[in-house]
Amino acid sequence: MEKTLDQLVVTKASGEKVLFSIGKLRQSLRKSGADEQQTDEVIRQLLPELTSGISTKKIYRRAFGILKRISNTAAARYSLKQGIMQLGPSGFPFEKFVSELLRAQGYMTDIGVFVDGHCVRHEIDVLAVKDSRRIMIECKYHNLHRNKSDVKVPMYIHSRFKDVEKVWPSENEFEVRFHEVWVMTNTRFTDDAIRYASCMQMKLVGWDYPNKGSLKDMVDSYHLYPLTCLTTLTNAEKQRLLDHKLVLCSELLHREQLLQSIGLREDRTRRVLKEVENLCNGSVRL
């Protein structure tokens, strides 16, 4: 049956028309933790709805809906990219999310640090320190899949880095000198952005860039999922938690009273905590 889809054309978020790949769909479902039987069931229910020109967004939404009925935890993993998209719009939740990912890797971090440059004062999204090396990190959050960080982003960040780099550390401000500069985004970079950053020895981290150590890799490796991935919470409930400056599922562990304070009944609280525990413990196979 899958062979009949070889010539099916689908529409990406950018408007580009490409051939549908059932192999990629199967792979993404398996990476979310769905086993072979669950993956087959999602595809079985999805196939009759695939028509020429269907958007990849619609395919994702339908696959997510089917998977959610089968496994909440696998559906939460499958919705990781969309969950990160829901962290906005202020940008602060994404900065905190990036900070927590780095802390899990042994960095000391701080958010929203102001430092003096040679010409002007700068706000650094995330300051990360490890092995006596200080890293200046700019976070570029996008709320649409099609939005990429183009070459102007690393060019602008590099100019800020050079301005800060000219100021040597003073006795009272250890953080005014940086050894590296990174740009981290939840979507992708253009080819020119990657070429410029490579030339200037800047590190870029995007949704699936680089091949090893991408944003998605970091999340999966440390089981640090944003609470916006949870399938057992409504969007309004997620926003209330974000308003409390909470970002990670792990911040909800064993916090029954917090969940009840945003209006959840006892039975729903148990369901949410169960999903949180499964995500944080990595109980769904990757």
C-alpha atoms as a PDB file:
ATOM      1  CA  MET A   1       0.000   0.000   0.000  1.00  0.00           C
ATOM      2  CA  GLU A   2       2.880   2.360   0.795  1.00  0.00           C
ATOM      3  CA  LYS A   3       4.225   1.977  -2.744  1.00  0.00           C
ATOM      4  CA  THR A   4       1.154   3.761  -4.134  1.00  0.00           C
ATOM      5  CA  LEU A   5       2.356   6.966  -2.407  1.00  0.00           C
ATOM      6  CA  ASP A   6       5.648   7.193  -4.307  1.00  0.00           C
ATOM      7  CA  GLN A   7       4.351  10.005  -6.521  1.00  0.00           C
ATOM      8  CA  LEU A   8       2.276  11.872  -3.914  1.00  0.00           C
ATOM      9  CA  VAL A   9       3.193  15.565  -3.860  1.00  0.00           C
ATOM     10  CA  VAL A  10       2.892  17.465  -0.577  1.00  0.00           C
ATOM     11  CA  THR A  11       3.283  21.156   0.255  1.00  0.00           C
ATOM     12  CA  LYS A  12       5.867  22.296   2.797  1.00  0.00           C
ATOM     13  CA  ALA A  13       5.373  25.349   5.042  1.00  0.00           C
ATOM     14  CA  SER A  14       7.551  27.365   2.655  1.00  0.00           C
ATOM     15  CA  GLY A  15       5.169  26.576  -0.198  1.00  0.00           C
ATOM     16  CA  GLU A  16       7.672  24.231  -1.837  1.00  0.00           C
ATOM     17  CA  LYS A  17       6.209  21.113  -3.462  1.00  0.00           C
ATOM     18  CA  VAL A  18       8.048  17.875  -2.681  1.00  0.00           C
ATOM     19  CA  LEU A  19       7.415  14.148  -2.929  1.00  0.00           C
ATOM     20  CA  PHE A  20       5.922  12.620   0.191  1.00  0.00           C
ATOM     21  CA  SER A  21       8.249  10.301   2.115  1.00  0.00           C
ATOM     22  CA  ILE A  22       6.485   7.708   4.172  1.00  0.00           C
ATOM     23  CA  GLY A  23       9.909   6.576   5.371  1.00  0.00           C
ATOM     24  CA  LYS A  24      10.541   9.956   7.014  1.00  0.00           C
ATOM     25  CA  LEU A  25       7.100   9.872   8.621  1.00  0.00           C
ATOM     26  CA  ARG A  26       7.749   6.394   9.959  1.00  0.00           C
ATOM     27  CA  GLN A  27      11.167   7.445  11.260  1.00  0.00           C
ATOM     28  CA  SER A  28       9.789  10.497  13.061  1.00  0.00           C
ATOM     29  CA  LEU A  29       7.074   8.394  14.700  1.00  0.00           C
ATOM     30  CA  ARG A  30       9.608   5.795  15.857  1.00  0.00           C
ATOM     31  CA  LYS A  31      11.922   8.504  17.234  1.00  0.00           C
ATOM     32  CA  SER A  32       9.016   9.834  19.278  1.00  0.00           C
ATOM     33  CA  GLY A  33       8.919   6.492  21.085  1.00  0.00           C
ATOM     34  CA  ALA A  34       6.053   4.861  19.201  1.00  0.00           C
ATOM     35  CA  ASP A  35       6.738   1.143  18.734  1.00  0.00           C
ATOM     36  CA  GLU A  36       6.368  -0.608  15.392  1.00  0.00           C
ATOM     37  CA  GLN A  37       2.757  -1.609  15.991  1.00  0.00           C
ATOM     38  CA  GLN A  38       1.770   1.909  17.071  1.00  0.00           C
ATOM     39  CA  THR A  39       3.585   3.412  14.079  1.00  0.00           C
ATOM     40  CA  ASP A  40       1.808   1.047  11.692  1.00  0.00           C
ATOM     41  CA  GLU A  41      -1.551   1.993  13.222  1.00  0.00           C
ATOM     42  CA  VAL A  42      -0.923   5.733  12.809  1.00  0.00           C
ATOM     43  CA  ILE A  43       0.062   5.241   9.184  1.00  0.00           C
ATOM     44  CA  ARG A  44      -2.897   2.929   8.523  1.00  0.00           C
ATOM     45  CA  GLN A  45      -5.364   5.565   9.737  1.00  0.00           C
ATOM     46  CA  LEU A  46      -3.515   8.406   8.033  1.00  0.00           C
ATOM     47  CA  LEU A  47      -3.086   6.972   4.538  1.00  0.00           C
ATOM     48  CA  PRO A  48      -6.710   7.377   3.336  1.00  0.00           C
ATOM     49  CA  GLU A  49      -6.532  11.111   4.113  1.00  0.00           C
ATOM     50  CA  LEU A  50      -3.417  11.839   2.037  1.00  0.00           C
ATOM     51  CA  THR A  51      -4.296  13.692  -1.152  1.00  0.00           C
ATOM     52  CA  SER A  52      -2.159  15.450  -3.738  1.00  0.00           C
ATOM     53  CA  GLY A  53      -0.978  18.865  -2.535  1.00  0.00           C
ATOM     54  CA  ILE A  54      -1.819  18.242   1.140  1.00  0.00           C
ATOM     55  CA  SER A  55       0.273  20.384   3.460  1.00  0.00           C
ATOM     56  CA  THR A  56       2.920  18.819   5.681  1.00  0.00           C
ATOM     57  CA  LYS A  57       1.345  20.804   8.529  1.00  0.00           C
ATOM     58  CA  LYS A  58      -1.964  19.007   8.035  1.00  0.00           C
ATOM     59  CA  ILE A  59      -0.180  15.641   7.862  1.00  0.00           C
ATOM     60  CA  TYR A  60       1.599  16.407  11.137  1.00  0.00           C
ATOM     61  CA  ARG A  61      -1.606  17.502  12.876  1.00  0.00           C
ATOM     62  CA  ARG A  62      -3.484  14.390  11.796  1.00  0.00           C
ATOM     63  CA  ALA A  63      -0.608  12.063  12.727  1.00  0.00           C
ATOM     64  CA  PHE A  64      -0.317  13.791  16.100  1.00  0.00           C
ATOM     65  CA  GLY A  65      -4.039  13.407  16.760  1.00  0.00           C
ATOM     66  CA  ILE A  66      -3.942   9.689  16.004  1.00  0.00           C
ATOM     67  CA  LEU A  67      -0.774   9.127  18.050  1.00  0.00           C
ATOM     68  CA  LYS A  68      -2.216  11.064  20.991  1.00  0.00           C
ATOM     69  CA  ARG A  69      -5.054   8.536  21.276  1.00  0.00           C
ATOM     70  CA  ILE A  70      -2.513   5.708  21.293  1.00  0.00           C
ATOM     71  CA  SER A  71       0.241   7.141  23.523  1.00  0.00           C
ATOM     72  CA  ASN A  72       0.273  10.557  25.213  1.00  0.00           C
ATOM     73  CA  THR A  73       3.997  10.378  25.874  1.00  0.00           C
ATOM     74  CA  ALA A  74       4.943   9.465  22.319  1.00  0.00           C
ATOM     75  CA  ALA A  75       2.654  12.245  21.064  1.00  0.00           C
ATOM     76  CA  ALA A  76       4.374  14.728  23.375  1.00  0.00           C
ATOM     77  CA  ARG A  77       7.768  13.764  21.974  1.00  0.00           C
ATOM     78  CA  TYR A  78       6.414  13.899  18.423  1.00  0.00           C
ATOM     79  CA  SER A  79       5.186  17.463  19.068  1.00  0.00           C
ATOM     80  CA  LEU A  80       8.538  18.712  20.394  1.00  0.00           C
ATOM     81  CA  LYS A  81       9.160  21.189  17.585  1.00  0.00           C
ATOM     82  CA  GLN A  82       5.649  22.617  17.872  1.00  0.00           C
ATOM     83  CA  GLY A  83       5.932  22.689  21.657  1.00  0.00           C
ATOM     84  CA  ILE A  84       9.045  24.869  21.462  1.00  0.00           C
ATOM     85  CA  MET A  85       7.176  27.144  19.033  1.00  0.00           C
ATOM     86  CA  GLN A  86       4.599  27.723  21.790  1.00  0.00           C
ATOM     87  CA  LEU A  87       7.163  29.090  24.244  1.00  0.00           C
ATOM     88  CA  GLY A  88       6.850  32.673  22.909  1.00  0.00           C
ATOM     89  CA  PRO A  89       6.055  35.362  22.188  1.00  0.00           C
ATOM     90  CA  SER A  90       8.308  37.292  24.608  1.00  0.00           C
ATOM     91  CA  GLY A  91      11.361  35.154  23.916  1.00  0.00           C
ATOM     92  CA  PHE A  92      12.204  34.811  27.628  1.00  0.00           C
ATOM     93  CA  PRO A  93      10.833  31.246  27.964  1.00  0.00           C
ATOM     94  CA  PHE A  94      13.047  30.147  25.053  1.00  0.00           C
ATOM     95  CA  GLU A  95      16.076  31.797  26.662  1.00  0.00           C
ATOM     96  CA  LYS A  96      15.365  29.960  29.896  1.00  0.00           C
ATOM     97  CA  PHE A  97      14.859  26.735  27.943  1.00  0.00           C
ATOM     98  CA  VAL A  98      18.269  27.171  26.275  1.00  0.00           C
ATOM     99  CA  SER A  99      19.826  27.991  29.649  1.00  0.00           C
ATOM    100  CA  GLU A 100      18.474  24.772  31.185  1.00  0.00           C
ATOM    101  CA  LEU A 101      19.723  22.677  28.264  1.00  0.00           C
ATOM    102  CA  LEU A 102      23.219  24.071  28.823  1.00  0.00           C
ATOM    103  CA  ARG A 103      23.071  23.608  32.596  1.00  0.00           C
ATOM    104  CA  ALA A 104      22.347  19.927  31.997  1.00  0.00           C
ATOM    105  CA  GLN A 105      25.634  19.799  30.081  1.00  0.00           C
ATOM    106  CA  GLY A 106      27.648  21.232  32.964  1.00  0.00           C
ATOM    107  CA  TYR A 107      27.535  24.942  32.152  1.00  0.00           C
ATOM    108  CA  MET A 108      26.822  27.645  34.697  1.00  0.00           C
ATOM    109  CA  THR A 109      24.348  30.027  33.124  1.00  0.00           C
ATOM    110  CA  ASP A 110      22.703  33.388  33.625  1.00  0.00           C
ATOM    111  CA  ILE A 111      19.961  35.049  31.580  1.00  0.00           C
ATOM    112  CA  GLY A 112      19.640  38.668  30.479  1.00  0.00           C
ATOM    113  CA  VAL A 113      23.105  39.859  31.521  1.00  0.00           C
ATOM    114  CA  PHE A 114      24.055  43.454  30.713  1.00  0.00           C
ATOM    115  CA  VAL A 115      27.684  44.143  29.815  1.00  0.00           C
ATOM    116  CA  ASP A 116      29.530  47.209  28.568  1.00  0.00           C
ATOM    117  CA  GLY A 117      31.047  47.082  25.124  1.00  0.00           C
ATOM    118  CA  HIS A 118      33.678  49.406  23.721  1.00  0.00           C
ATOM    119  CA  CYS A 119      30.952  51.532  22.101  1.00  0.00           C
ATOM    120  CA  VAL A 120      27.613  50.677  23.725  1.00  0.00           C
ATOM    121  CA  ARG A 121      26.039  48.558  26.461  1.00  0.00           C
ATOM    122  CA  HIS A 122      24.664  45.140  25.447  1.00  0.00           C
ATOM    123  CA  GLU A 123      22.136  42.692  26.862  1.00  0.00           C
ATOM    124  CA  ILE A 124      23.307  39.097  26.484  1.00  0.00           C
ATOM    125  CA  ASP A 125      20.491  36.548  26.240  1.00  0.00           C
ATOM    126  CA  VAL A 126      22.430  33.762  27.941  1.00  0.00           C
ATOM    127  CA  LEU A 127      25.846  33.827  29.574  1.00  0.00           C
ATOM    128  CA  ALA A 128      27.353  30.332  29.848  1.00  0.00           C
ATOM    129  CA  VAL A 129      30.543  29.414  31.713  1.00  0.00           C
ATOM    130  CA  LYS A 130      32.384  26.098  31.635  1.00  0.00           C
ATOM    131  CA  ASP A 131      36.046  25.236  32.194  1.00  0.00           C
ATOM    132  CA  SER A 132      36.821  28.944  32.735  1.00  0.00           C
ATOM    133  CA  ARG A 133      35.485  29.808  29.292  1.00  0.00           C
ATOM    134  CA  ARG A 134      32.686  32.368  29.008  1.00  0.00           C
ATOM    135  CA  ILE A 135      30.280  32.123  26.135  1.00  0.00           C
ATOM    136  CA  MET A 136      28.006  34.833  24.782  1.00  0.00           C
ATOM    137  CA  ILE A 137      24.792  33.259  23.452  1.00  0.00           C
ATOM    138  CA  GLU A 138      22.102  34.955  21.396  1.00  0.00           C
ATOM    139  CA  CYS A 139      18.731  33.172  21.237  1.00  0.00           C
ATOM    140  CA  LYS A 140      16.644  33.623  18.093  1.00  0.00           C
ATOM    141  CA  TYR A 141      13.115  32.397  18.711  1.00  0.00           C
ATOM    142  CA  HIS A 142      10.644  31.957  15.841  1.00  0.00           C
ATOM    143  CA  ASN A 143       6.970  31.037  16.110  1.00  0.00           C
ATOM    144  CA  LEU A 144       6.655  29.767  12.528  1.00  0.00           C
ATOM    145  CA  HIS A 145       8.443  26.749  11.032  1.00  0.00           C
ATOM    146  CA  ARG A 146       9.199  28.549   7.774  1.00  0.00           C
ATOM    147  CA  ASN A 147      11.099  31.388   9.456  1.00  0.00           C
ATOM    148  CA  LYS A 148      14.868  30.920   9.218  1.00  0.00           C
ATOM    149  CA  SER A 149      17.714  32.913  10.711  1.00  0.00           C
ATOM    150  CA  ASP A 150      19.494  34.464   7.725  1.00  0.00           C
ATOM    151  CA  VAL A 151      23.042  35.780   7.365  1.00  0.00           C
ATOM    152  CA  LYS A 152      22.134  39.137   8.953  1.00  0.00           C
ATOM    153  CA  VAL A 153      21.690  37.368  12.309  1.00  0.00           C
ATOM    154  CA  PRO A 154      25.259  36.056  12.761  1.00  0.00           C
ATOM    155  CA  MET A 155      26.654  39.243  11.205  1.00  0.00           C
ATOM    156  CA  TYR A 156      24.818  41.378  13.776  1.00  0.00           C
ATOM    157  CA  ILE A 157      25.723  39.112  16.692  1.00  0.00           C
ATOM    158  CA  HIS A 158      29.362  39.008  15.608  1.00  0.00           C
ATOM    159  CA  SER A 159      29.546  42.807  15.583  1.00  0.00           C
ATOM    160  CA  ARG A 160      28.204  42.889  19.145  1.00  0.00           C
ATOM    161  CA  PHE A 161      30.704  40.225  20.178  1.00  0.00           C
ATOM    162  CA  LYS A 162      33.608  42.253  18.746  1.00  0.00           C
ATOM    163  CA  ASP A 163      32.399  45.368  20.597  1.00  0.00           C
ATOM    164  CA  VAL A 164      32.255  43.477  23.905  1.00  0.00           C
ATOM    165  CA  GLU A 165      35.536  41.680  23.228  1.00  0.00           C
ATOM    166  CA  LYS A 166      37.427  44.986  23.131  1.00  0.00           C
ATOM    167  CA  VAL A 167      36.692  45.585  26.809  1.00  0.00           C
ATOM    168  CA  TRP A 168      39.022  43.735  29.135  1.00  0.00           C
ATOM    169  CA  PRO A 169      37.672  42.368  32.422  1.00  0.00           C
ATOM    170  CA  SER A 170      37.645  44.800  35.304  1.00  0.00           C
ATOM    171  CA  GLU A 171      38.087  43.905  38.936  1.00  0.00           C
ATOM    172  CA  ASN A 172      34.345  43.985  39.590  1.00  0.00           C
ATOM    173  CA  GLU A 173      32.907  42.653  36.316  1.00  0.00           C
ATOM    174  CA  PHE A 174      34.219  39.200  35.464  1.00  0.00           C
ATOM    175  CA  GLU A 175      31.611  38.711  32.732  1.00  0.00           C
ATOM    176  CA  VAL A 176      32.671  41.485  30.385  1.00  0.00           C
ATOM    177  CA  ARG A 177      34.935  39.284  28.281  1.00  0.00           C
ATOM    178  CA  PHE A 178      33.779  36.293  26.226  1.00  0.00           C
ATOM    179  CA  HIS A 179      35.806  33.566  24.607  1.00  0.00           C
ATOM    180  CA  GLU A 180      33.106  32.329  22.225  1.00  0.00           C
ATOM    181  CA  VAL A 181      29.886  33.494  20.649  1.00  0.00           C
ATOM    182  CA  TRP A 182      26.954  31.213  19.784  1.00  0.00           C
ATOM    183  CA  VAL A 183      23.593  31.700  18.108  1.00  0.00           C
ATOM    184  CA  MET A 184      20.823  29.245  19.034  1.00  0.00           C
ATOM    185  CA  THR A 185      17.467  29.069  17.272  1.00  0.00           C
ATOM    186  CA  ASN A 186      14.437  26.786  17.313  1.00  0.00           C
ATOM    187  CA  THR A 187      14.186  26.672  13.513  1.00  0.00           C
ATOM    188  CA  ARG A 188      16.914  26.630  10.861  1.00  0.00           C
ATOM    189  CA  PHE A 189      19.698  28.798   9.443  1.00  0.00           C
ATOM    190  CA  THR A 190      20.132  29.763   5.814  1.00  0.00           C
ATOM    191  CA  ASP A 191      23.168  28.435   3.946  1.00  0.00           C
ATOM    192  CA  ASP A 192      24.749  31.907   3.934  1.00  0.00           C
ATOM    193  CA  ALA A 193      24.289  32.204   7.696  1.00  0.00           C
ATOM    194  CA  ILE A 194      26.098  28.885   8.171  1.00  0.00           C
ATOM    195  CA  ARG A 195      28.922  29.894   5.817  1.00  0.00           C
ATOM    196  CA  TYR A 196      29.426  33.260   7.528  1.00  0.00           C
ATOM    197  CA  ALA A 197      29.405  31.752  11.024  1.00  0.00           C
ATOM    198  CA  SER A 198      31.906  29.093   9.979  1.00  0.00           C
ATOM    199  CA  CYS A 199      34.187  31.740   8.504  1.00  0.00           C
ATOM    200  CA  MET A 200      34.008  33.823  11.685  1.00  0.00           C
ATOM    201  CA  GLN A 201      34.345  30.800  13.986  1.00  0.00           C
ATOM    202  CA  MET A 202      30.912  31.289  15.506  1.00  0.00           C
ATOM    203  CA  LYS A 203      28.892  28.322  16.723  1.00  0.00           C
ATOM    204  CA  LEU A 204      25.363  27.864  15.409  1.00  0.00           C
ATOM    205  CA  VAL A 205      22.797  25.546  17.003  1.00  0.00           C
ATOM    206  CA  GLY A 206      19.453  25.096  15.271  1.00  0.00           C
ATOM    207  CA  TRP A 207      16.569  22.652  15.310  1.00  0.00           C
ATOM    208  CA  ASP A 208      18.511  20.023  13.358  1.00  0.00           C
ATOM    209  CA  TYR A 209      21.906  21.720  13.009  1.00  0.00           C
ATOM    210  CA  PRO A 210      24.662  20.628  13.393  1.00  0.00           C
ATOM    211  CA  ASN A 211      24.241  16.925  12.603  1.00  0.00           C
ATOM    212  CA  LYS A 212      25.331  16.092  16.143  1.00  0.00           C
ATOM    213  CA  GLY A 213      24.503  18.463  18.969  1.00  0.00           C
ATOM    214  CA  SER A 214      21.430  20.126  17.474  1.00  0.00           C
ATOM    215  CA  LEU A 215      18.677  21.587  19.641  1.00  0.00           C
ATOM    216  CA  LYS A 216      16.585  18.455  19.121  1.00  0.00           C
ATOM    217  CA  ASP A 217      19.549  16.237  20.063  1.00  0.00           C
ATOM    218  CA  MET A 218      20.037  18.176  23.309  1.00  0.00           C
ATOM    219  CA  VAL A 219      16.392  17.827  24.303  1.00  0.00           C
ATOM    220  CA  ASP A 220      16.263  14.102  23.567  1.00  0.00           C
ATOM    221  CA  SER A 221      19.615  13.403  25.250  1.00  0.00           C
ATOM    222  CA  TYR A 222      18.707  15.049  28.550  1.00  0.00           C
ATOM    223  CA  HIS A 223      14.905  14.523  28.513  1.00  0.00           C
ATOM    224  CA  LEU A 224      14.415  18.258  29.049  1.00  0.00           C
ATOM    225  CA  TYR A 225      11.080  18.716  27.320  1.00  0.00           C
ATOM    226  CA  PRO A 226       9.211  22.040  27.399  1.00  0.00           C
ATOM    227  CA  LEU A 227       5.923  21.855  29.275  1.00  0.00           C
ATOM    228  CA  THR A 228       4.230  23.112  26.101  1.00  0.00           C
ATOM    229  CA  CYS A 229       4.695  19.582  24.678  1.00  0.00           C
ATOM    230  CA  LEU A 230       2.299  18.081  27.215  1.00  0.00           C
ATOM    231  CA  THR A 231      -0.850  16.639  25.658  1.00  0.00           C
ATOM    232  CA  THR A 232      -2.767  16.547  28.949  1.00  0.00           C
ATOM    233  CA  LEU A 233      -2.790  20.343  29.393  1.00  0.00           C
ATOM    234  CA  THR A 234      -4.828  22.919  27.480  1.00  0.00           C
ATOM    235  CA  ASN A 235      -3.109  25.880  25.838  1.00  0.00           C
ATOM    236  CA  ALA A 236      -4.584  28.185  28.483  1.00  0.00           C
ATOM    237  CA  GLU A 237      -3.170  26.009  31.284  1.00  0.00           C
ATOM    238  CA  LYS A 238       0.240  25.945  29.625  1.00  0.00           C
ATOM    239  CA  GLN A 239       0.205  29.731  29.417  1.00  0.00           C
ATOM    240  CA  ARG A 240      -0.609  30.024  33.130  1.00  0.00           C
ATOM    241  CA  LEU A 241       2.449  27.907  33.909  1.00  0.00           C
ATOM    242  CA  LEU A 242       4.626  29.983  31.560  1.00  0.00           C
ATOM    243  CA  ASP A 243       3.348  33.082  33.373  1.00  0.00           C
ATOM    244  CA  HIS A 244       4.769  31.504  36.543  1.00  0.00           C
ATOM    245  CA  LYS A 245       8.200  31.477  34.783  1.00  0.00           C
ATOM    246  CA  LEU A 246       8.073  27.702  34.416  1.00  0.00           C
ATOM    247  CA  VAL A 247       9.319  26.184  31.164  1.00  0.00           C
ATOM    248  CA  LEU A 248      10.300  22.537  31.639  1.00  0.00           C
ATOM    249  CA  CYS A 249       8.194  19.458  32.284  1.00  0.00           C
ATOM    250  CA  SER A 250      10.686  18.542  35.005  1.00  0.00           C
ATOM    251  CA  GLU A 251       9.677  21.677  36.934  1.00  0.00           C
ATOM    252  CA  LEU A 252       6.225  20.128  37.389  1.00  0.00           C
ATOM    253  CA  LEU A 253       7.433  16.877  38.971  1.00  0.00           C
ATOM    254  CA  HIS A 254       5.703  16.181  42.310  1.00  0.00           C
ATOM    255  CA  ARG A 255       4.010  19.604  42.284  1.00  0.00           C
ATOM    256  CA  GLU A 256       0.381  18.643  42.698  1.00  0.00           C
ATOM    257  CA  GLN A 257      -0.519  21.863  44.481  1.00  0.00           C
ATOM    258  CA  LEU A 258       0.934  24.008  41.708  1.00  0.00           C
ATOM    259  CA  LEU A 259      -1.142  22.213  39.068  1.00  0.00           C
ATOM    260  CA  GLN A 260      -4.260  22.448  41.193  1.00  0.00           C
ATOM    261  CA  SER A 261      -3.621  26.164  41.719  1.00  0.00           C
ATOM    262  CA  ILE A 262      -4.072  26.761  37.969  1.00  0.00           C
ATOM    263  CA  GLY A 263      -7.440  25.011  38.042  1.00  0.00           C
ATOM    264  CA  LEU A 264      -6.739  21.300  37.522  1.00  0.00           C
ATOM    265  CA  ARG A 265      -8.897  18.778  39.346  1.00  0.00           C
ATOM    266  CA  GLU A 266      -7.265  15.913  41.210  1.00  0.00           C
ATOM    267  CA  ASP A 267      -7.889  13.349  38.458  1.00  0.00           C
ATOM    268  CA  ARG A 268      -6.419  15.581  35.753  1.00  0.00           C
ATOM    269  CA  THR A 269      -3.467  16.445  37.977  1.00  0.00           C
ATOM    270  CA  ARG A 270      -2.642  12.739  38.213  1.00  0.00           C
ATOM    271  CA  ARG A 271      -2.816  12.368  34.427  1.00  0.00           C
ATOM    272  CA  VAL A 272      -0.539  15.353  33.867  1.00  0.00           C
ATOM    273  CA  LEU A 273       2.013  14.160  36.415  1.00  0.00           C
ATOM    274  CA  LYS A 274       2.026  10.693  34.863  1.00  0.00           C
ATOM    275  CA  GLU A 275       2.834  12.159  31.456  1.00  0.00           C
ATOM    276  CA  VAL A 276       5.492  14.404  33.018  1.00  0.00           C
ATOM    277  CA  GLU A 277       7.137  11.441  34.741  1.00  0.00           C
ATOM    278  CA  ASN A 278       7.207   9.402  31.524  1.00  0.00           C
ATOM    279  CA  LEU A 279       8.837  12.244  29.606  1.00  0.00           C
ATOM    280  CA  CYS A 280      11.376  13.123  32.278  1.00  0.00           C
ATOM    281  CA  ASN A 281      12.360   9.515  32.941  1.00  0.00           C
ATOM    282  CA  GLY A 282      12.695   8.697  29.279  1.00  0.00           C
ATOM    283  CA  SER A 283      10.434   5.700  29.740  1.00  0.00           C
ATOM    284  CA  VAL A 284       9.411   5.809  26.086  1.00  0.00           C
ATOM    285  CA  ARG A 285      12.073   4.225  23.944  1.00  0.00           C
ATOM    286  CA  LEU A 286      13.871   6.554  21.535  1.00  0.00           C
END
